[in-house]
């Protein structure tokens, strides 16, 4: 049986920091950054990359579709 690990990419400049993805993440992989983007928003970022399971809950709830989810095989 193949094991998977997830990874996400957030378009930091388009993220409005609504926090919906942080709340939706079952593994607490995401949080809002302390830094702000060019628009002054605290953008979402991975804070616990090893915990990501690639479920895409974050991307599904993102109102601006700024999150891309990848699944990688783990040996």
N, C-alpha and C. Protein backbone atom coordinates (compact mmCIF):
# COMPACT_ATOMS: atom_id res chain seq x y z
N UNK A 1 0.84 -1.19 0.00
CA UNK A 1 0.00 0.00 0.00
C UNK A 1 0.88 1.25 0.00
N UNK A 2 0.61 2.15 -0.90
CA UNK A 2 1.41 3.38 -1.01
C UNK A 2 1.03 4.36 0.10
N UNK A 3 2.04 5.03 0.60
CA UNK A 3 1.81 6.07 1.60
C UNK A 3 1.96 7.42 0.92
N UNK A 4 1.13 8.35 1.33
CA UNK A 4 1.15 9.68 0.75
C UNK A 4 1.43 10.73 1.81
N UNK A 5 2.04 11.80 1.36
CA UNK A 5 2.24 12.97 2.20
C UNK A 5 1.80 14.15 1.37
N UNK A 6 1.20 15.12 1.98
CA UNK A 6 0.72 16.27 1.25
C UNK A 6 1.68 17.44 1.34
N UNK A 7 1.48 18.37 0.44
CA UNK A 7 2.20 19.64 0.45
C UNK A 7 1.29 20.67 -0.18
N UNK A 8 1.33 21.87 0.34
CA UNK A 8 0.50 22.92 -0.24
C UNK A 8 1.35 24.11 -0.63
N UNK A 9 0.83 24.85 -1.59
CA UNK A 9 1.45 26.11 -2.00
C UNK A 9 0.35 27.17 -1.92
N UNK A 10 0.65 28.24 -1.20
CA UNK A 10 -0.30 29.34 -1.05
C UNK A 10 0.22 30.53 -1.86
N UNK A 11 -0.63 31.11 -2.67
CA UNK A 11 -0.28 32.35 -3.37
C UNK A 11 -0.38 33.47 -2.34
N UNK A 12 0.74 33.77 -1.72
CA UNK A 12 0.77 34.69 -0.57
C UNK A 12 0.26 36.08 -0.91
N UNK A 13 0.50 36.54 -2.11
CA UNK A 13 0.06 37.88 -2.48
C UNK A 13 -1.45 37.98 -2.71
N UNK A 14 -2.09 36.86 -3.01
CA UNK A 14 -3.55 36.88 -3.23
C UNK A 14 -4.33 36.47 -2.00
N UNK A 15 -3.67 35.88 -1.01
CA UNK A 15 -4.33 35.43 0.21
C UNK A 15 -4.79 36.64 1.03
N UNK A 16 -6.05 36.60 1.49
CA UNK A 16 -6.60 37.69 2.29
C UNK A 16 -6.60 37.38 3.79
N UNK A 17 -6.05 36.25 4.17
CA UNK A 17 -5.95 35.92 5.59
C UNK A 17 -7.29 35.71 6.26
N UNK A 18 -8.24 35.10 5.57
CA UNK A 18 -9.58 34.92 6.15
C UNK A 18 -9.60 33.84 7.24
N UNK A 19 -8.57 32.99 7.27
CA UNK A 19 -8.40 31.97 8.31
C UNK A 19 -9.27 30.72 8.11
N UNK A 20 -10.05 30.65 7.05
CA UNK A 20 -10.91 29.49 6.83
C UNK A 20 -10.10 28.21 6.65
N UNK A 21 -8.98 28.30 5.94
CA UNK A 21 -8.15 27.12 5.70
C UNK A 21 -7.51 26.62 7.00
N UNK A 22 -7.14 27.54 7.85
CA UNK A 22 -6.53 27.17 9.14
C UNK A 22 -7.52 26.37 9.97
N UNK A 23 -8.76 26.82 10.00
CA UNK A 23 -9.81 26.15 10.76
C UNK A 23 -10.16 24.80 10.14
N UNK A 24 -10.14 24.72 8.80
CA UNK A 24 -10.54 23.49 8.10
C UNK A 24 -9.49 22.39 8.17
N UNK A 25 -8.24 22.72 8.44
CA UNK A 25 -7.16 21.74 8.41
C UNK A 25 -7.26 20.78 9.60
N UNK A 26 -7.46 19.48 9.31
CA UNK A 26 -7.60 18.51 10.41
C UNK A 26 -6.30 18.20 11.14
N UNK A 27 -5.16 18.53 10.53
CA UNK A 27 -3.87 18.18 11.14
C UNK A 27 -3.11 19.40 11.65
N UNK A 28 -3.75 20.55 11.67
CA UNK A 28 -3.13 21.79 12.17
C UNK A 28 -1.83 22.11 11.43
N UNK A 29 -1.85 21.93 10.12
CA UNK A 29 -0.68 22.19 9.28
C UNK A 29 -0.51 23.67 8.98
N UNK A 30 -1.61 24.41 8.97
CA UNK A 30 -1.59 25.82 8.56
C UNK A 30 -1.80 26.78 9.71
N UNK A 31 -1.28 27.99 9.52
CA UNK A 31 -1.55 29.10 10.43
C UNK A 31 -1.32 30.38 9.65
N UNK A 32 -1.77 31.49 10.19
CA UNK A 32 -1.53 32.76 9.53
C UNK A 32 -0.13 33.26 9.89
N UNK A 33 0.55 33.79 8.89
CA UNK A 33 1.92 34.28 9.08
C UNK A 33 1.92 35.54 9.93
N UNK A 34 3.01 35.77 10.62
CA UNK A 34 3.17 37.00 11.37
C UNK A 34 3.43 38.17 10.42
N UNK A 35 4.06 37.86 9.27
CA UNK A 35 4.32 38.88 8.26
C UNK A 35 3.05 39.15 7.47
N UNK A 36 3.04 40.26 6.74
CA UNK A 36 1.91 40.59 5.88
C UNK A 36 2.36 40.63 4.43
N UNK A 37 1.39 40.42 3.53
CA UNK A 37 1.70 40.49 2.10
C UNK A 37 1.60 41.94 1.62
N UNK A 38 1.70 42.15 0.32
CA UNK A 38 1.68 43.50 -0.23
C UNK A 38 0.40 44.25 0.01
N UNK A 39 -0.69 43.52 0.29
CA UNK A 39 -1.98 44.16 0.55
C UNK A 39 -2.22 44.38 2.04
N UNK A 40 -1.28 43.94 2.86
CA UNK A 40 -1.40 44.14 4.30
C UNK A 40 -2.10 43.03 5.05
N UNK A 41 -2.31 41.88 4.40
CA UNK A 41 -2.97 40.75 5.04
C UNK A 41 -1.96 39.75 5.58
N UNK A 42 -2.28 39.16 6.72
CA UNK A 42 -1.51 38.03 7.24
C UNK A 42 -1.92 36.81 6.43
N UNK A 43 -1.05 36.33 5.58
CA UNK A 43 -1.36 35.22 4.68
C UNK A 43 -1.19 33.88 5.38
N UNK A 44 -1.81 32.86 4.80
CA UNK A 44 -1.72 31.50 5.32
C UNK A 44 -0.39 30.87 4.91
N UNK A 45 0.17 30.06 5.81
CA UNK A 45 1.42 29.37 5.50
C UNK A 45 1.47 28.04 6.25
N UNK A 46 2.30 27.13 5.74
CA UNK A 46 2.48 25.84 6.40
C UNK A 46 3.39 26.04 7.61
N UNK A 47 2.93 25.61 8.77
CA UNK A 47 3.75 25.69 9.97
C UNK A 47 4.17 24.31 10.46
N UNK A 48 3.52 23.28 9.92
CA UNK A 48 3.82 21.91 10.32
C UNK A 48 3.75 21.02 9.08
N UNK A 49 4.71 21.19 8.13
CA UNK A 49 4.64 20.50 6.84
C UNK A 49 4.56 18.98 6.93
N UNK A 50 5.22 18.38 7.92
CA UNK A 50 5.22 16.92 8.04
C UNK A 50 3.83 16.37 8.38
N UNK A 51 2.97 17.21 8.92
CA UNK A 51 1.63 16.76 9.31
C UNK A 51 0.64 16.74 8.15
N UNK A 52 0.96 17.41 7.06
CA UNK A 52 0.02 17.53 5.93
C UNK A 52 -0.24 16.16 5.31
N UNK A 53 -1.52 15.83 5.17
CA UNK A 53 -1.92 14.54 4.59
C UNK A 53 -2.47 14.70 3.17
N UNK A 54 -2.50 15.93 2.66
CA UNK A 54 -2.97 16.17 1.31
C UNK A 54 -4.46 16.01 1.13
N UNK A 55 -5.23 16.24 2.16
CA UNK A 55 -6.68 16.04 2.10
C UNK A 55 -7.40 17.11 1.28
N UNK A 56 -6.76 18.25 1.09
CA UNK A 56 -7.29 19.38 0.31
C UNK A 56 -8.45 20.11 0.96
N UNK A 57 -8.68 19.89 2.24
CA UNK A 57 -9.74 20.63 2.93
C UNK A 57 -9.48 22.13 2.87
N UNK A 58 -8.23 22.51 2.99
CA UNK A 58 -7.87 23.93 2.95
C UNK A 58 -8.23 24.56 1.61
N UNK A 59 -7.89 23.87 0.53
CA UNK A 59 -8.16 24.39 -0.81
C UNK A 59 -9.66 24.45 -1.10
N UNK A 60 -10.40 23.49 -0.59
CA UNK A 60 -11.84 23.45 -0.83
C UNK A 60 -12.57 24.62 -0.18
N UNK A 61 -12.12 25.05 0.99
CA UNK A 61 -12.81 26.15 1.68
C UNK A 61 -12.29 27.53 1.31
N UNK A 62 -11.17 27.59 0.60
CA UNK A 62 -10.58 28.89 0.25
C UNK A 62 -11.48 29.64 -0.74
N UNK A 63 -12.02 30.79 -0.33
CA UNK A 63 -12.94 31.52 -1.22
C UNK A 63 -12.25 32.13 -2.44
N UNK A 64 -10.95 32.27 -2.40
CA UNK A 64 -10.22 32.90 -3.51
C UNK A 64 -9.37 31.92 -4.30
N UNK A 65 -9.46 30.64 -3.97
CA UNK A 65 -8.72 29.58 -4.69
C UNK A 65 -7.23 29.88 -4.81
N UNK A 66 -6.60 30.25 -3.70
CA UNK A 66 -5.18 30.58 -3.73
C UNK A 66 -4.30 29.45 -3.19
N UNK A 67 -4.91 28.29 -2.90
CA UNK A 67 -4.16 27.15 -2.35
C UNK A 67 -4.14 26.01 -3.35
N UNK A 68 -2.94 25.52 -3.62
CA UNK A 68 -2.76 24.33 -4.47
C UNK A 68 -2.24 23.21 -3.60
N UNK A 69 -2.84 22.02 -3.72
CA UNK A 69 -2.46 20.88 -2.89
C UNK A 69 -1.80 19.82 -3.77
N UNK A 70 -0.69 19.28 -3.28
CA UNK A 70 0.03 18.21 -3.96
C UNK A 70 0.09 17.00 -3.05
N UNK A 71 0.09 15.81 -3.67
CA UNK A 71 0.31 14.57 -2.92
C UNK A 71 1.59 13.94 -3.44
N UNK A 72 2.42 13.50 -2.50
CA UNK A 72 3.69 12.88 -2.86
C UNK A 72 3.76 11.48 -2.28
N UNK A 73 4.33 10.55 -3.02
CA UNK A 73 4.55 9.22 -2.48
C UNK A 73 5.66 9.27 -1.46
N UNK A 74 5.49 8.54 -0.37
CA UNK A 74 6.52 8.45 0.65
C UNK A 74 7.01 7.02 0.66
N UNK A 75 8.31 6.84 0.56
CA UNK A 75 8.90 5.50 0.52
C UNK A 75 9.00 4.91 1.90
